[in-house]
């Protein structure tokens, strides 16, 4: 059927159609990424940063930062190393002096390269151990054996200030308040060994948290964990804490995520961004899936493409104390402490 008085339609080549489809898809993908990635940014596209100053926050971030520098001064703290042993001695002494009950949960694993037996230990600190209802605050305290993503020297020294040190430093500071903290629950600080005792990306992760979770199920202790919160990379100077997607997606932990981020919102700590992050494999998977402990992950790492800047210190020799800040430690420590006081 044709219509008189009109020009015949031009034939459109397959190549033209292909290019048009590519352009449309590109614009759609770009718009989608911008939509996903604009959480925690103001109208000018700048990352949201609290206007809080260190002196405004009733949590001693300056002392926490000094603890971080003390840990980094030890050097690498890889599993089974003299540095790890020195760190364990430091932490045992620190927590006992403040009234914590300290236990080293020892185990051995096979070295992924030479097959030798590597001694490891989760360091557990219990506050008010008589309480049957408990909360677990966890972090890993081992450092990556080598800076696997360093652009220059992948066989160099990895200090692990943020990734391996910041969670420990925060708990060292929080310990000053635990004996008298107004909280209805007993609290355990659990420092996991072997979180990333890896030499190839295909090696096994989360060795300490897996062991802890299996022992928790096997031994059936007289107490139960109502909640678990994992603190990983919580000291970065440019910190942004999205809601990690496993934590937000599990039905039993979604209320926990909402409580913690609501606490941050109430306090004005804008670095806790109420937007979905990505699915991030971390120690909380072992606690949740193996130990059946409702556990969320508070972590400064969004693995979407735009988050991986060229200058990121993650898994490089640049993960040193100068890339962290007392203010970030103060903000996270304050939020966690206030959440502990409010949880019912």
Protein backbone atom coordinates (compact mmCIF):
# COMPACT_ATOMS: atom_id res chain seq x y z
CA UNK A 1 0.00 0.00 0.00
CA UNK A 2 1.42 3.39 -0.93
CA UNK A 3 0.46 6.98 -0.54
CA UNK A 4 0.80 9.44 -3.40
CA UNK A 5 2.41 12.83 -3.02
CA UNK A 6 5.05 11.63 -0.44
CA UNK A 7 8.72 10.94 -0.99
CA UNK A 8 9.64 7.31 -0.88
CA UNK A 9 11.09 6.26 2.49
CA UNK A 10 14.89 5.87 2.59
CA UNK A 11 16.30 2.47 3.36
CA UNK A 12 18.28 2.46 6.62
CA UNK A 13 21.40 0.32 6.57
CA UNK A 14 22.10 -2.32 9.21
CA UNK A 15 25.25 -0.40 10.21
CA UNK A 16 23.23 2.76 10.87
CA UNK A 17 20.75 0.83 13.03
CA UNK A 18 23.60 -0.77 14.99
CA UNK A 19 25.26 2.60 15.69
CA UNK A 20 21.95 4.12 16.79
CA UNK A 21 21.31 1.25 19.20
CA UNK A 22 24.81 1.61 20.64
CA UNK A 23 24.30 5.34 21.24
CA UNK A 24 20.93 4.79 22.95
CA UNK A 25 22.28 2.01 25.17
CA UNK A 26 25.31 4.13 26.09
CA UNK A 27 23.13 7.01 27.23
CA UNK A 28 20.89 4.64 29.20
CA UNK A 29 23.82 2.95 30.94
CA UNK A 30 25.46 6.28 31.74
CA UNK A 31 22.22 7.61 33.21
CA UNK A 32 21.78 4.43 35.27
CA UNK A 33 25.30 4.64 36.66
CA UNK A 34 24.85 8.28 37.57
CA UNK A 35 21.59 7.40 39.31
CA UNK A 36 23.27 4.59 41.28
CA UNK A 37 26.32 6.58 42.11
CA UNK A 38 24.92 9.89 43.23
CA UNK A 39 24.16 8.77 46.79
CA UNK A 40 26.13 10.78 49.29
CA UNK A 41 26.66 13.66 46.87
CA UNK A 42 25.31 17.18 46.97
CA UNK A 43 23.68 19.08 44.16
CA UNK A 44 27.08 19.96 42.72
CA UNK A 45 28.13 16.32 42.52
CA UNK A 46 30.53 16.59 45.43
CA UNK A 47 30.83 13.77 47.99
CA UNK A 48 28.80 14.44 51.13
CA UNK A 49 31.00 15.28 54.10
CA UNK A 50 29.73 16.07 57.57
CA UNK A 51 30.47 19.56 58.78
CA UNK A 52 31.29 18.05 62.14
CA UNK A 53 34.71 18.90 63.51
CA UNK A 54 36.81 16.57 65.62
CA UNK A 55 36.15 18.68 68.71
CA UNK A 56 32.37 18.41 68.11
CA UNK A 57 32.35 14.63 68.48
CA UNK A 58 32.28 12.99 71.95
CA UNK A 59 34.41 10.07 70.82
CA UNK A 60 38.18 10.37 71.04
CA UNK A 61 39.18 10.10 67.40
CA UNK A 62 42.58 11.64 68.07
CA UNK A 63 43.51 8.84 70.47
CA UNK A 64 42.08 6.24 68.07
CA UNK A 65 44.34 7.66 65.36
CA UNK A 66 47.34 7.39 67.69
CA UNK A 67 46.45 3.73 68.20
CA UNK A 68 46.33 3.33 64.42
CA UNK A 69 49.80 4.80 64.06
CA UNK A 70 51.03 2.50 66.83
CA UNK A 71 49.73 -0.53 64.93
CA UNK A 72 51.29 0.67 61.68
CA UNK A 73 54.63 1.18 63.43
CA UNK A 74 54.77 -2.58 63.98
CA UNK A 75 54.92 -2.98 60.21
CA UNK A 76 53.17 -5.77 58.28
CA UNK A 77 50.93 -7.92 60.46
CA UNK A 78 50.29 -10.86 58.19
CA UNK A 79 48.98 -14.10 59.66
CA UNK A 80 51.59 -16.23 61.42
CA UNK A 81 54.26 -13.50 61.30
CA UNK A 82 56.33 -11.87 64.08
CA UNK A 83 54.38 -8.67 63.36
CA UNK A 84 51.11 -10.42 64.09
CA UNK A 85 52.53 -11.87 67.33
CA UNK A 86 53.67 -8.40 68.41
CA UNK A 87 50.23 -6.98 67.65
CA UNK A 88 48.52 -9.72 69.64
CA UNK A 89 50.71 -8.99 72.65
CA UNK A 90 49.90 -5.28 72.37
CA UNK A 91 46.15 -5.89 72.12
CA UNK A 92 45.99 -8.43 74.93
CA UNK A 93 47.69 -5.98 77.28
CA UNK A 94 45.56 -3.03 76.14
CA UNK A 95 42.17 -4.71 76.52
CA UNK A 96 42.99 -6.42 79.82
CA UNK A 97 44.07 -3.13 81.37
CA UNK A 98 40.66 -1.69 80.48
CA UNK A 99 38.75 -4.60 82.02
CA UNK A 100 38.11 -6.84 79.02
CA UNK A 101 38.24 -10.63 79.22
CA UNK A 102 40.65 -11.72 76.48
CA UNK A 103 40.85 -15.07 74.71
CA UNK A 104 42.98 -16.23 71.78
CA UNK A 105 41.03 -18.76 69.72
CA UNK A 106 43.91 -20.63 68.07
CA UNK A 107 43.81 -22.75 64.93
CA UNK A 108 46.06 -23.70 62.02
CA UNK A 109 45.65 -23.48 58.27
CA UNK A 110 47.58 -24.77 55.30
CA UNK A 111 49.83 -22.20 53.62
CA UNK A 112 48.43 -21.72 50.09
CA UNK A 113 51.92 -21.61 48.51
CA UNK A 114 54.26 -24.01 50.35
CA UNK A 115 51.73 -26.18 52.19
CA UNK A 116 53.19 -25.56 55.65
CA UNK A 117 51.03 -25.19 58.75
CA UNK A 118 50.37 -21.53 59.61
CA UNK A 119 49.33 -20.70 63.20
CA UNK A 120 46.44 -18.27 63.46
CA UNK A 121 44.31 -16.90 66.27
CA UNK A 122 41.12 -14.90 66.55
CA UNK A 123 41.47 -12.43 69.40
CA UNK A 124 38.22 -12.16 71.36
CA UNK A 125 37.52 -9.50 74.00
CA UNK A 126 34.41 -9.95 76.15
CA UNK A 127 32.68 -7.17 78.06
CA UNK A 128 30.17 -8.18 80.74
CA UNK A 129 30.62 -11.90 79.97
CA UNK A 130 27.81 -12.83 82.37
CA UNK A 131 25.17 -11.47 79.99
CA UNK A 132 23.52 -14.15 77.83
CA UNK A 133 22.29 -11.73 75.17
CA UNK A 134 25.28 -10.40 73.27
CA UNK A 135 26.40 -8.24 70.36
CA UNK A 136 29.46 -8.99 68.25
CA UNK A 137 31.64 -6.17 66.93
CA UNK A 138 34.12 -7.67 64.49
CA UNK A 139 37.08 -6.58 62.40
CA UNK A 140 40.00 -8.34 60.78
CA UNK A 141 43.44 -7.64 62.16
CA UNK A 142 45.67 -9.44 59.68
CA UNK A 143 47.21 -7.57 56.77
CA UNK A 144 47.46 -8.69 53.18
CA UNK A 145 50.81 -10.49 52.62
CA UNK A 146 51.68 -8.39 49.57
CA UNK A 147 50.35 -5.19 47.93
CA UNK A 148 48.70 -7.06 45.06
CA UNK A 149 47.31 -3.97 43.32
CA UNK A 150 50.34 -1.71 43.66
CA UNK A 151 51.09 -0.11 40.29
CA UNK A 152 54.85 -0.24 40.84
CA UNK A 153 55.89 -2.97 43.28
CA UNK A 154 53.51 -5.86 43.91
CA UNK A 155 56.19 -7.57 46.04
CA UNK A 156 56.64 -4.56 48.32
CA UNK A 157 55.62 -3.89 51.92
CA UNK A 158 51.94 -3.68 52.79
CA UNK A 159 51.20 -1.81 56.03
CA UNK A 160 47.40 -2.02 55.93
CA UNK A 161 46.51 1.14 57.84
CA UNK A 162 42.89 1.33 56.73
CA UNK A 163 42.58 -2.28 55.55
CA UNK A 164 43.56 -4.17 58.69
CA UNK A 165 44.32 -1.37 61.15
CA UNK A 166 41.40 1.07 61.31
CA UNK A 167 38.82 -1.32 62.75
CA UNK A 168 41.29 -2.44 65.41
CA UNK A 169 42.17 1.14 66.36
CA UNK A 170 38.48 2.03 66.65
CA UNK A 171 37.84 -0.91 69.00
CA UNK A 172 40.92 -0.01 71.04
CA UNK A 173 39.40 3.41 71.64
CA UNK A 174 35.86 2.13 72.21
CA UNK A 175 37.28 -0.17 74.90
CA UNK A 176 37.81 2.86 77.16
CA UNK A 177 34.02 3.17 77.49
CA UNK A 178 32.88 -0.45 77.52
CA UNK A 179 33.04 -1.23 81.25
CA UNK A 180 30.51 1.51 82.06
CA UNK A 181 28.63 1.75 78.78
CA UNK A 182 24.86 1.87 79.19
CA UNK A 183 23.96 -1.10 77.01
CA UNK A 184 21.46 -3.88 77.64
CA UNK A 185 23.73 -6.45 75.98
CA UNK A 186 27.10 -7.95 76.61
CA UNK A 187 29.51 -7.06 73.83
CA UNK A 188 32.32 -9.07 72.26
CA UNK A 189 35.09 -7.54 70.16
CA UNK A 190 36.27 -10.24 67.74
CA UNK A 191 39.47 -9.65 65.76
CA UNK A 192 39.55 -12.11 62.89
CA UNK A 193 42.80 -13.59 61.64
CA UNK A 194 43.30 -14.80 58.08
CA UNK A 195 40.72 -12.56 56.41
CA UNK A 196 42.96 -12.26 53.37
CA UNK A 197 45.93 -14.58 53.79
CA UNK A 198 46.13 -14.80 50.02
CA UNK A 199 48.90 -14.82 47.45
CA UNK A 200 46.63 -15.34 44.45
CA UNK A 201 43.11 -13.98 44.08
CA UNK A 202 41.83 -17.56 43.90
CA UNK A 203 43.13 -18.42 47.40
CA UNK A 204 40.67 -18.88 50.28
CA UNK A 205 39.58 -15.82 52.21
CA UNK A 206 37.89 -15.38 55.63
CA UNK A 207 39.73 -18.19 57.42
CA UNK A 208 39.37 -16.72 60.90
CA UNK A 209 35.71 -15.79 60.64
CA UNK A 210 34.88 -19.19 59.17
CA UNK A 211 36.62 -20.94 62.07
CA UNK A 212 34.89 -18.69 64.60
CA UNK A 213 31.47 -19.31 63.04
CA UNK A 214 31.96 -23.08 62.93
CA UNK A 215 33.03 -23.17 66.58
CA UNK A 216 30.06 -21.02 67.57
CA UNK A 217 27.68 -23.53 65.97
CA UNK A 218 29.56 -26.62 67.18
CA UNK A 219 30.10 -25.59 70.80
CA UNK A 220 26.65 -24.05 71.37
CA UNK A 221 27.78 -21.53 74.03
CA UNK A 222 25.32 -20.44 76.75
CA UNK A 223 25.05 -16.99 75.15
CA UNK A 224 23.63 -15.96 71.78
CA UNK A 225 24.51 -13.11 69.46
CA UNK A 226 21.52 -10.89 68.80
CA UNK A 227 23.42 -8.77 66.26
CA UNK A 228 26.84 -8.67 64.65
CA UNK A 229 28.52 -5.63 63.07
CA UNK A 230 31.66 -5.95 60.97
CA UNK A 231 33.90 -2.87 60.77
CA UNK A 232 36.22 -2.89 57.75
CA UNK A 233 38.15 0.10 56.40
CA UNK A 234 36.52 2.72 58.61
CA UNK A 235 39.35 5.24 58.88
CA UNK A 236 39.88 6.55 55.35
CA UNK A 237 40.15 10.32 55.01
CA UNK A 238 37.70 10.24 52.07
CA UNK A 239 35.36 7.73 53.69
CA UNK A 240 31.89 7.04 52.26
CA UNK A 241 29.85 4.22 53.81
CA UNK A 242 27.14 2.87 51.55
CA UNK A 243 24.76 0.14 52.72
CA UNK A 244 26.50 -3.06 51.67
CA UNK A 245 24.07 -5.06 49.56
CA UNK A 246 24.28 -8.49 51.23
CA UNK A 247 23.62 -6.81 54.57
CA UNK A 248 20.69 -4.84 53.19
CA UNK A 249 19.28 -7.79 51.25
CA UNK A 250 19.13 -10.36 54.04
CA UNK A 251 15.78 -10.16 55.80
CA UNK A 252 17.29 -10.69 59.24
CA UNK A 253 19.94 -7.97 58.91
CA UNK A 254 18.03 -5.27 57.03
CA UNK A 255 16.60 -3.83 60.29
CA UNK A 256 20.14 -3.71 61.71
CA UNK A 257 21.41 -1.72 58.73
CA UNK A 258 18.48 0.64 59.01
CA UNK A 259 19.09 1.17 62.74
CA UNK A 260 22.79 2.00 62.32
CA UNK A 261 22.28 4.36 59.38
CA UNK A 262 19.36 6.01 61.19
CA UNK A 263 21.67 6.59 64.17
CA UNK A 264 24.21 8.23 61.88
CA UNK A 265 21.49 10.40 60.35
CA UNK A 266 20.33 11.49 63.80
CA UNK A 267 23.90 12.46 64.72
CA UNK A 268 24.52 14.26 61.43
CA UNK A 269 27.25 11.90 60.23
CA UNK A 270 26.62 12.15 56.50
CA UNK A 271 29.36 9.72 55.52
CA UNK A 272 26.85 6.96 56.26
CA UNK A 273 25.04 7.14 52.92
CA UNK A 274 21.54 5.63 52.85
CA UNK A 275 21.98 4.12 49.41
CA UNK A 276 22.64 0.57 48.27
CA UNK A 277 26.28 -0.26 47.78
CA UNK A 278 27.45 -3.44 46.09
CA UNK A 279 27.60 -7.08 47.10
CA UNK A 280 30.89 -7.27 48.97
CA UNK A 281 32.33 -10.60 50.09
CA UNK A 282 33.77 -10.15 53.57
CA UNK A 283 33.90 -11.78 57.01
CA UNK A 284 30.21 -11.07 57.60
CA UNK A 285 29.32 -13.80 55.09
CA UNK A 286 30.89 -16.46 57.32
CA UNK A 287 29.18 -15.10 60.43
CA UNK A 288 25.79 -14.95 58.73
CA UNK A 289 25.81 -18.05 56.52
CA UNK A 290 27.88 -20.43 58.67
CA UNK A 291 27.31 -19.08 62.19
CA UNK A 292 23.70 -17.99 61.60
CA UNK A 293 24.51 -14.66 63.27
CA UNK A 294 22.59 -11.66 61.85
CA UNK A 295 25.59 -9.55 60.86
CA UNK A 296 26.01 -6.47 58.66
CA UNK A 297 29.12 -4.91 57.12
CA UNK A 298 30.11 -1.28 57.69
CA UNK A 299 32.78 -0.82 55.03
CA UNK A 300 34.34 2.04 53.09
CA UNK A 301 34.55 0.35 49.74
CA UNK A 302 32.17 0.47 46.81
CA UNK A 303 33.48 -1.72 44.02
CA UNK A 304 31.49 -0.05 41.25
CA UNK A 305 33.81 1.22 38.48
CA UNK A 306 33.82 4.93 39.33
CA UNK A 307 34.86 4.20 42.93
CA UNK A 308 38.16 2.61 41.89
CA UNK A 309 40.20 5.80 41.45
CA UNK A 310 43.75 5.72 40.15
CA UNK A 311 44.95 7.08 43.50
CA UNK A 312 43.15 4.55 45.71
CA UNK A 313 45.51 3.12 48.35
CA UNK A 314 43.49 -0.10 48.62
CA UNK A 315 45.78 -3.17 48.45
CA UNK A 316 48.79 -1.01 47.58
CA UNK A 317 51.90 0.21 49.44
CA UNK A 318 50.08 3.52 49.86
CA UNK A 319 47.68 2.15 52.50
CA UNK A 320 49.46 4.02 55.27
CA UNK A 321 48.32 6.03 58.28
CA UNK A 322 48.52 9.38 56.47
CA UNK A 323 45.63 8.26 54.21
CA UNK A 324 43.42 7.86 57.30
CA UNK A 325 42.00 10.48 59.63
CA UNK A 326 41.12 10.91 63.28
CA UNK A 327 37.86 12.52 62.18
CA UNK A 328 36.70 9.44 60.26
CA UNK A 329 37.52 7.18 63.20
CA UNK A 330 35.66 9.53 65.52
CA UNK A 331 32.55 9.58 63.33
CA UNK A 332 32.26 5.82 62.99
CA UNK A 333 33.13 5.19 66.63
CA UNK A 334 30.52 7.70 67.77
CA UNK A 335 27.79 6.14 65.60
CA UNK A 336 28.55 2.61 66.80
CA UNK A 337 28.70 3.66 70.45
CA UNK A 338 25.39 5.52 70.28
CA UNK A 339 23.78 2.60 68.45
CA UNK A 340 24.98 0.24 71.21
CA UNK A 341 23.37 2.47 73.83
CA UNK A 342 20.05 2.54 71.97
CA UNK A 343 19.72 -1.08 70.78
CA UNK A 344 16.96 -3.07 72.46
